Amino acid sequence: MSVSQQELDELRSAIRKFLQARLPDSELCHLADGHDTDSDLWSEMNAALGIHSLAIPERFGGDGADLTVMSVVFEELGRAVAPAPYFSSFVATQALLLSGDDEQCQRHLPGFAEGTSRATIAVAERDGSWDAAVISARAQCGPDGSWRITGVKNWVPDATGADAILVLGRTTAGPTLFSVDPTAEGASLEPMRVLDETRPMATLTLRDASAELVGREGAGGLLLSRLLDLTVLALCAEQVGIAERCLEISVEYAKVRTQFGRPIGSFQAVKHLCAEMLVQVEMARAATDDAVREAQEGDAGAAIAAAAAHLTCCAAAMYVAKETIQVLGGIGFTWDHPAHVYFRRAAASQLLLGGPAVSHERLLERMGI
């Protein structure tokens, strides 16, 4: 699915208009109060925008959108800090596609495209790392060919309400991907207390739970490596949206807030702060655009570009969200302004795949160091 710049702009405008109406600042302020994924928003997004089917190939009932299109979608969702399970659904979709398991894709993806079902993915365990080498959940194949899995998965995004959870477990052949019904006997979910309540997390406990093999046994390590490169691109686009919106909030406030008889934006210290925030936003956008382009073209350096963009965007989103609170002053420290929601999302996103140290290691690994 190839689209023109005009079509991308129209898509961006449609998503932004919908989310601004559905999630005004007055509602954003209360998104950190603690709740599960907004199921009404999820269904309304599908009805109004039809974006659930974008990332799914046409042969499975989707639109087959490329990464450039998906980058626009995630950027707008990041701007709005939308409490919808789009990120987790995208990652689960990509995991199914990378597995090469047409039977599992045919079983799940048409429902994802229609918005009648969704899935999430469970990779991380206690330390939050998405490193296949530290996976401890164990899966065994019985005499009848059925699989059972035992283990604990932490930091499972948007697990409540998911129809399927893709679980990375370990077999005698190595890391392997499985599909688990979260309502099946032996599977239980417990909500986690997290910093960012707009992206709820859960602990998935599996006690000899029934599981279905997805793809080839032992292929989970390679699949996860490729999946991470796509996952960080979605996360980077989100973070660009977060940073850009925070910059807008800061500049708008600096123009109208007066001190000593003049707008605070006229003071050099505030000017310099906003200028540095702009630099961070532009660096993040450039890194993301480059990584998306290289991935889209199948460039040999795509994995390195994705890892570098991840580090750049994590730092940019954190910096801009933090400094926005400084520009806002007292109001920025209250629950009555959405600044804290953006800061929470930026901080949680930085830690989502294992944290900065793991991200640096991933970049070095991609560079062959």
Protein backbone atom coordinates (compact mmCIF):
# COMPACT_ATOMS: atom_id res chain seq x y z
CA MET A 1 0.00 0.00 0.00
CA SER A 2 1.81 3.06 -1.30
CA VAL A 3 0.44 6.50 -0.44
CA SER A 4 1.25 10.06 -1.42
CA GLN A 5 2.31 12.83 0.92
CA GLN A 6 -1.12 14.40 0.50
CA GLU A 7 -2.77 11.16 1.64
CA LEU A 8 -0.43 10.98 4.64
CA ASP A 9 -1.33 14.55 5.57
CA GLU A 10 -5.04 13.76 5.28
CA LEU A 11 -4.61 10.68 7.47
CA ARG A 12 -2.72 12.71 10.05
CA SER A 13 -5.39 15.42 10.03
CA ALA A 14 -8.24 12.91 10.40
CA ILE A 15 -6.63 11.11 13.34
CA ARG A 16 -5.70 14.37 15.07
CA LYS A 17 -9.17 15.83 14.64
CA PHE A 18 -10.79 12.69 16.04
CA LEU A 19 -8.47 12.43 19.04
CA GLN A 20 -8.69 16.14 19.88
CA ALA A 21 -12.47 15.82 20.06
CA ARG A 22 -12.40 12.50 21.90
CA LEU A 23 -9.53 13.30 24.30
CA PRO A 24 -9.55 17.04 25.12
CA ASP A 25 -7.06 18.37 27.67
CA SER A 26 -9.73 18.32 30.35
CA GLU A 27 -9.98 14.55 29.97
CA LEU A 28 -6.25 13.98 29.49
CA CYS A 29 -5.65 15.34 32.98
CA HIS A 30 -7.42 12.33 34.47
CA LEU A 31 -5.93 9.58 32.31
CA ALA A 32 -3.47 8.69 35.06
CA ASP A 33 -6.22 7.94 37.57
CA GLY A 34 -5.95 4.23 36.83
CA HIS A 35 -8.18 2.25 34.51
CA ASP A 36 -8.07 -0.52 31.97
CA THR A 37 -7.80 0.11 28.26
CA ASP A 38 -10.62 2.35 27.01
CA SER A 39 -12.67 -0.19 25.04
CA ASP A 40 -15.09 2.51 23.86
CA LEU A 41 -12.24 4.53 22.40
CA TRP A 42 -10.87 1.40 20.73
CA SER A 43 -14.17 0.66 18.96
CA GLU A 44 -14.79 4.33 18.14
CA MET A 45 -11.35 4.61 16.54
CA ASN A 46 -12.16 1.67 14.30
CA ALA A 47 -15.58 3.01 13.35
CA ALA A 48 -14.41 6.57 12.68
CA LEU A 49 -10.93 6.00 11.27
CA GLY A 50 -10.68 2.37 10.20
CA ILE A 51 -7.05 2.24 11.32
CA HIS A 52 -7.24 -1.22 12.91
CA SER A 53 -6.74 -2.85 9.51
CA LEU A 54 -3.86 -0.67 8.32
CA ALA A 55 -0.91 -2.86 9.36
CA ILE A 56 -2.54 -6.12 8.27
CA PRO A 57 -1.82 -7.49 4.77
CA GLU A 58 -4.65 -7.51 2.25
CA ARG A 59 -4.72 -11.31 2.09
CA PHE A 60 -5.83 -11.32 5.73
CA GLY A 61 -8.48 -8.66 5.29
CA GLY A 62 -6.35 -5.59 5.97
CA ASP A 63 -5.00 -2.64 3.99
CA GLY A 64 -1.32 -3.60 3.85
CA ALA A 65 -0.08 -0.17 4.91
CA ASP A 66 3.66 0.40 4.96
CA LEU A 67 5.79 1.65 7.84
CA THR A 68 5.56 5.25 6.68
CA VAL A 69 1.79 5.17 7.15
CA MET A 70 2.08 3.41 10.50
CA SER A 71 4.59 6.02 11.67
CA VAL A 72 2.00 8.76 11.11
CA VAL A 73 -0.61 6.79 13.07
CA PHE A 74 1.68 6.19 16.05
CA GLU A 75 2.87 9.79 16.09
CA GLU A 76 -0.69 11.04 16.37
CA LEU A 77 -1.56 8.47 19.04
CA GLY A 78 1.50 9.63 20.97
CA ARG A 79 0.45 13.29 20.72
CA ALA A 80 -2.88 12.40 22.31
CA VAL A 81 -1.46 9.86 24.80
CA ALA A 82 -4.38 7.74 23.62
CA PRO A 83 -5.27 4.97 26.10
CA ALA A 84 -5.98 2.47 23.33
CA PRO A 85 -4.22 -0.88 22.77
CA TYR A 86 -2.97 0.03 19.29
CA PHE A 87 0.72 -0.40 20.08
CA SER A 88 0.33 -3.86 21.62
CA SER A 89 -1.97 -4.95 18.78
CA PHE A 90 0.55 -3.77 16.20
CA VAL A 91 3.39 -5.67 17.89
CA ALA A 92 1.29 -8.84 18.14
CA THR A 93 0.34 -8.51 14.47
CA GLN A 94 3.96 -8.16 13.41
CA ALA A 95 4.93 -11.17 15.54
CA LEU A 96 2.34 -13.31 13.78
CA LEU A 97 3.48 -12.13 10.36
CA LEU A 98 7.16 -12.70 11.17
CA SER A 99 6.39 -16.23 12.36
CA GLY A 100 5.38 -17.22 8.85
CA ASP A 101 2.56 -19.30 10.33
CA ASP A 102 -0.26 -18.81 7.82
CA GLU A 103 -2.68 -20.90 9.86
CA GLN A 104 -2.27 -18.72 12.96
CA CYS A 105 -2.35 -15.54 10.86
CA GLN A 106 -5.58 -16.65 9.21
CA ARG A 107 -7.05 -17.47 12.59
CA HIS A 108 -6.29 -14.11 14.21
CA LEU A 109 -5.59 -11.34 11.70
CA PRO A 110 -9.01 -11.02 10.00
CA GLY A 111 -10.56 -10.38 13.41
CA PHE A 112 -7.87 -7.81 14.20
CA ALA A 113 -8.59 -6.04 10.89
CA GLU A 114 -12.32 -5.91 11.61
CA GLY A 115 -11.76 -4.72 15.16
CA THR A 116 -13.72 -7.65 16.59
CA SER A 117 -10.73 -9.14 18.41
CA ARG A 118 -7.22 -8.16 19.45
CA ALA A 119 -4.06 -9.62 20.90
CA THR A 120 -1.02 -8.56 22.86
CA ILE A 121 2.42 -10.01 23.43
CA ALA A 122 4.18 -11.31 26.54
CA VAL A 123 7.96 -11.35 26.30
CA ALA A 124 9.42 -9.65 29.38
CA GLU A 125 9.75 -11.32 32.73
CA ARG A 126 10.82 -9.93 36.09
CA ASP A 127 13.62 -7.64 34.81
CA GLY A 128 11.54 -6.21 31.96
CA SER A 129 14.07 -7.19 29.30
CA TRP A 130 13.08 -8.34 25.83
CA ASP A 131 16.16 -10.54 25.59
CA ALA A 132 15.39 -14.06 24.37
CA ALA A 133 18.43 -15.38 26.23
CA VAL A 134 16.86 -14.72 29.65
CA ILE A 135 13.44 -16.24 28.94
CA SER A 136 12.60 -18.76 31.66
CA ALA A 137 8.97 -19.69 30.86
CA ARG A 138 9.04 -23.35 29.84
CA ALA A 139 6.90 -25.12 27.24
CA GLN A 140 6.62 -28.84 26.66
CA CYS A 141 4.96 -30.90 23.96
CA GLY A 142 2.88 -33.83 25.17
CA PRO A 143 2.54 -37.27 23.56
CA ASP A 144 -0.58 -36.09 21.75
CA GLY A 145 1.27 -33.16 20.17
CA SER A 146 -0.35 -30.51 22.36
CA TRP A 147 1.73 -27.86 24.09
CA ARG A 148 1.64 -26.75 27.73
CA ILE A 149 3.50 -23.76 29.12
CA THR A 150 4.50 -22.74 32.64
CA GLY A 151 6.03 -19.46 33.76
CA VAL A 152 5.40 -15.85 34.73
CA LYS A 153 5.40 -12.92 32.32
CA ASN A 154 5.51 -9.36 33.58
CA TRP A 155 4.83 -6.05 31.86
CA VAL A 156 2.27 -7.49 29.45
CA PRO A 157 0.69 -4.42 27.78
CA ASP A 158 -3.07 -4.06 27.40
CA ALA A 159 -3.66 -7.64 28.53
CA THR A 160 -7.13 -7.04 29.95
CA GLY A 161 -9.64 -7.68 27.19
CA ALA A 162 -7.15 -9.32 24.82
CA ASP A 163 -8.51 -12.38 23.03
CA ALA A 164 -5.07 -13.94 22.64
CA ILE A 165 -1.64 -13.40 24.14
CA LEU A 166 1.47 -14.30 22.18
CA VAL A 167 3.94 -15.71 24.69
CA LEU A 168 7.64 -16.24 24.16
CA GLY A 169 8.62 -19.41 25.97
CA ARG A 170 11.52 -21.81 25.95
CA THR A 171 11.57 -25.39 24.67
CA THR A 172 14.41 -27.86 24.23
CA ALA A 173 14.92 -26.31 20.79
CA GLY A 174 15.22 -22.77 22.18
CA PRO A 175 12.99 -19.67 22.42
CA THR A 176 9.64 -20.32 20.77
CA LEU A 177 6.48 -18.30 20.21
CA PHE A 178 3.11 -19.57 21.42
CA SER A 179 -0.47 -18.33 21.43
CA VAL A 180 -2.32 -18.55 24.74
CA ASP A 181 -5.96 -17.91 25.55
CA PRO A 182 -5.84 -15.68 28.67
CA THR A 183 -9.12 -17.18 29.89
CA ALA A 184 -7.90 -20.79 29.60
CA GLU A 185 -7.39 -23.02 32.62
CA GLY A 186 -3.96 -22.43 34.13
CA ALA A 187 -3.69 -18.85 32.84
CA SER A 188 -4.35 -15.83 35.05
CA LEU A 189 -3.83 -12.09 34.74
CA GLU A 190 -3.13 -9.62 37.52
CA PRO A 191 -2.96 -5.86 36.84
CA MET A 192 0.38 -4.26 37.70
CA ARG A 193 0.84 -0.93 39.41
CA VAL A 194 2.58 1.20 36.80
CA LEU A 195 3.73 4.77 36.26
CA ASP A 196 1.76 5.23 33.04
CA GLU A 197 -1.86 4.17 33.50
CA THR A 198 -2.66 5.06 29.88
CA ARG A 199 -0.81 1.87 28.91
CA PRO A 200 -1.91 -0.66 31.53
CA MET A 201 0.35 -3.63 32.23
CA ALA A 202 -0.39 -7.02 33.73
CA THR A 203 1.40 -10.06 35.09
CA LEU A 204 0.51 -13.24 33.23
CA THR A 205 0.92 -16.40 35.29
CA LEU A 206 0.88 -19.69 33.41
CA ARG A 207 0.60 -22.99 35.24
CA ASP A 208 0.66 -25.83 32.74
CA ALA A 209 -1.61 -23.77 30.50
CA SER A 210 -2.61 -24.96 27.06
CA ALA A 211 -0.71 -23.21 24.26
CA GLU A 212 -0.56 -23.32 20.48
CA LEU A 213 2.75 -23.28 18.64
CA VAL A 214 3.20 -20.21 16.43
CA GLY A 215 5.75 -20.67 13.68
CA ARG A 216 8.67 -23.04 14.01
CA GLU A 217 9.91 -24.41 17.32
CA GLY A 218 13.17 -22.76 18.34
CA ALA A 219 12.75 -19.80 15.96
CA GLY A 220 11.67 -17.36 18.66
CA GLY A 221 15.08 -15.78 19.14
CA LEU A 222 15.44 -14.67 15.52
CA LEU A 223 11.79 -13.65 15.41
CA LEU A 224 12.20 -11.48 18.51
CA SER A 225 15.29 -9.78 17.10
CA ARG A 226 13.41 -8.80 13.95
CA LEU A 227 10.29 -7.91 15.93
CA LEU A 228 12.24 -5.53 18.17
CA ASP A 229 13.38 -3.51 15.18
CA LEU A 230 9.74 -2.96 14.16
CA THR A 231 8.58 -2.40 17.73
CA VAL A 232 11.06 0.38 18.39
CA LEU A 233 9.98 2.16 15.19
CA ALA A 234 6.41 2.32 16.47
CA LEU A 235 7.64 3.45 19.87
CA CYS A 236 9.88 6.11 18.30
CA ALA A 237 6.98 7.57 16.33
CA GLU A 238 4.93 7.71 19.54
CA GLN A 239 7.75 9.50 21.32
CA VAL A 240 8.07 12.04 18.51
CA GLY A 241 4.38 12.79 18.96
CA ILE A 242 4.80 13.14 22.72
CA ALA A 243 7.77 15.48 22.37
CA GLU A 244 6.16 17.61 19.68
CA ARG A 245 2.96 18.10 21.66
CA CYS A 246 4.90 18.98 24.81
CA LEU A 247 6.86 21.58 22.87
CA GLU A 248 3.61 23.08 21.57
CA ILE A 249 2.20 23.22 25.10
CA SER A 250 5.35 24.98 26.32
CA VAL A 251 5.43 27.56 23.54
CA GLU A 252 1.71 28.30 23.80
CA TYR A 253 2.01 28.83 27.55
CA ALA A 254 5.14 30.98 27.23
CA LYS A 255 3.24 33.32 24.92
CA VAL A 256 0.33 33.97 27.29
CA ARG A 257 1.82 33.64 30.78
CA THR A 258 3.04 37.03 31.95
CA GLN A 259 5.54 37.91 34.63
CA PHE A 260 6.89 41.36 35.44
CA GLY A 261 4.48 42.78 32.89
CA ARG A 262 5.66 40.74 29.90
CA PRO A 263 5.18 37.21 28.47
CA ILE A 264 7.64 34.74 29.97
CA GLY A 265 8.53 33.69 26.43
CA SER A 266 10.34 37.00 26.03
CA PHE A 267 12.89 36.02 28.70
CA GLN A 268 16.13 34.61 27.38
CA ALA A 269 16.17 31.61 29.71
CA VAL A 270 12.75 30.45 28.52
CA LYS A 271 13.66 31.15 24.88
CA HIS A 272 16.77 28.99 25.17
CA LEU A 273 14.85 26.22 26.89
CA CYS A 274 12.19 26.12 24.17
CA ALA A 275 14.88 26.26 21.49
CA GLU A 276 16.64 23.24 22.98
CA MET A 277 13.32 21.42 23.16
CA LEU A 278 12.82 22.12 19.46
CA VAL A 279 16.28 20.71 18.71
CA GLN A 280 15.38 17.53 20.58
CA VAL A 281 12.10 17.17 18.69
CA GLU A 282 13.76 17.65 15.32
CA MET A 283 16.54 15.18 16.16
CA ALA A 284 13.98 12.58 17.19
CA ARG A 285 11.91 13.13 14.07
CA ALA A 286 14.93 12.93 11.77
CA ALA A 287 16.19 9.74 13.42
CA THR A 288 12.74 8.14 13.20
CA ASP A 289 12.17 9.15 9.59
CA ASP A 290 15.57 7.77 8.62
CA ALA A 291 14.99 4.49 10.47
CA VAL A 292 11.54 4.07 8.91
CA ARG A 293 12.92 4.78 5.44
CA GLU A 294 15.75 2.27 5.83
CA ALA A 295 13.38 -0.39 7.15
CA GLN A 296 10.94 0.29 4.33
CA GLU A 297 13.68 -0.08 1.72
CA GLY A 298 15.20 -3.15 3.35
CA ASP A 299 18.51 -1.37 3.84
CA ALA A 300 21.32 -3.39 5.41
CA GLY A 301 21.71 -0.76 8.12
CA ALA A 302 18.02 -0.73 9.09
CA ALA A 303 18.57 -2.54 12.40
CA ILE A 304 21.29 -0.07 13.43
CA ALA A 305 19.13 2.89 12.41
CA ALA A 306 16.21 1.55 14.45
CA ALA A 307 18.34 1.06 17.56
CA ALA A 308 19.90 4.52 17.19
CA ALA A 309 16.48 6.11 16.72
CA HIS A 310 15.23 4.34 19.83
CA LEU A 311 17.95 5.90 21.98
CA THR A 312 17.47 9.33 20.40
CA CYS A 313 13.69 9.34 20.82
CA CYS A 314 13.74 8.02 24.38
CA ALA A 315 16.08 10.82 25.41
CA ALA A 316 14.17 13.47 23.46
CA ALA A 317 10.74 12.56 24.82
CA MET A 318 12.02 12.48 28.39
CA TYR A 319 13.85 15.79 28.05
CA VAL A 320 10.98 17.69 26.43
CA ALA A 321 8.32 16.26 28.76
CA LYS A 322 10.42 17.13 31.80
CA GLU A 323 11.28 20.65 30.66
CA THR A 324 7.66 21.32 29.74
CA ILE A 325 6.84 21.06 33.43
CA GLN A 326 9.58 23.60 34.15
CA VAL A 327 8.22 26.07 31.58
CA LEU A 328 4.72 25.68 33.00
CA GLY A 329 5.89 26.31 36.53
CA GLY A 330 3.40 25.65 39.32
CA ILE A 331 0.51 24.56 37.09
CA GLY A 332 2.75 21.90 35.55
CA PHE A 333 3.05 20.14 38.90
CA THR A 334 -0.70 19.79 39.41
CA TRP A 335 -3.19 17.11 38.38
CA ASP A 336 -5.20 19.81 36.60
CA HIS A 337 -2.77 20.01 33.69
CA PRO A 338 -1.98 17.09 31.34
CA ALA A 339 1.79 17.68 31.54
CA HIS A 340 2.17 14.89 34.08
CA VAL A 341 0.42 12.45 31.72
CA TYR A 342 2.96 13.16 28.99
CA PHE A 343 5.83 12.86 31.44
CA ARG A 344 4.54 9.50 32.68
CA ARG A 345 4.17 8.15 29.16
CA ALA A 346 7.66 9.38 28.20
CA ALA A 347 9.25 7.81 31.28
CA ALA A 348 7.38 4.52 30.91
CA SER A 349 8.17 4.30 27.20
CA GLN A 350 11.87 4.71 27.95
CA LEU A 351 11.68 1.64 30.20
CA LEU A 352 9.28 -0.42 28.10
CA LEU A 353 11.81 -2.68 26.38
CA GLY A 354 14.27 -2.98 29.24
CA GLY A 355 15.53 0.55 29.85
CA PRO A 356 18.36 2.75 28.52
CA ALA A 357 21.18 0.33 29.39
CA VAL A 358 19.54 -2.47 27.44
CA SER A 359 18.87 -0.08 24.55
CA HIS A 360 22.54 0.86 24.39
CA GLU A 361 23.52 -2.80 24.42
CA ARG A 362 21.10 -3.46 21.58
CA LEU A 363 22.66 -0.70 19.48
CA LEU A 364 26.16 -2.06 20.09
CA GLU A 365 24.97 -5.55 19.21
CA ARG A 366 23.40 -4.32 15.96
CA MET A 367 26.71 -2.61 15.15
CA GLY A 368 28.59 -5.85 15.73
CA ILE A 369 30.51 -4.52 18.74
